Amino acid sequence: MSPRNTPQAHRQSNQLRIIGGRWRGRRIGFSSVPGLRPTPDRVRETLFNWLGQDLAGAKTLDLFAGSGALTFEALSRGATLGVAVDHHAGIVRKLVANGEALGAMALEAHCSDARTFLARELRAFDVIFLDPPFGNADWNALLPAAAERLTPSGMLYVEAPAAIGAPDGLEVWRGDKAGQVHYHLLRRANGARSA
């Protein structure tokens, strides 16, 4: 048996480290589900440099939560609400368990399809994370629906297998590529983000 196939290697491969904020350095586990690909450390670090390290008072929505990396990074940096949505019940159970282990009282987890959740959700969010499984994302529906749930100064983070264009009313404010992942931060096109 090669070292990559040992139980220890499997456990390590299903963990990630929170890179900033009050839980910096803490490890959380995530479910083994085909297609689940946590946002890499380097990309998370860049994203939270773009957003600002202090998210005190922010409300975030993660529509394809998966490992929960983006939600837990936001909560670690002071977000007052982190809504994590995933259609897979096992993933949601793991998110809840990780939240309890961290003492993340501001975590709200839902088992739902992203489009269904957006259709019934009425709250506005300061940051929305949109990182669907590559290959089956309906960008034409997801991007405008997510944009409708942004606060006036809200930011929409998007991970995709190719560069994306902003929907009406939004602009790509920042963007980069790491390996096969293109990542973007969008904001409203009619004004700068308030400080």
Foldseek 3Di string as FASTA:
>chain_A
DDPCPDPVVVQVVQKDAQCDAPRHGDIAGFDDDPLQDDDDPVVLVVVCVVVDLAPAAFAEEELACGQVNNQVNNVRRHHQAYEYEHQDPRRQVSVVVRCVVVVVPRYHYDNDHSLVCLVPDDAAGQEYEAEDREPDDPCVRPQVSNVVRHDQLHKYKYKYQDDDAHDPQKHFPDWDDDVRIIMTIIHGPPDHRDD
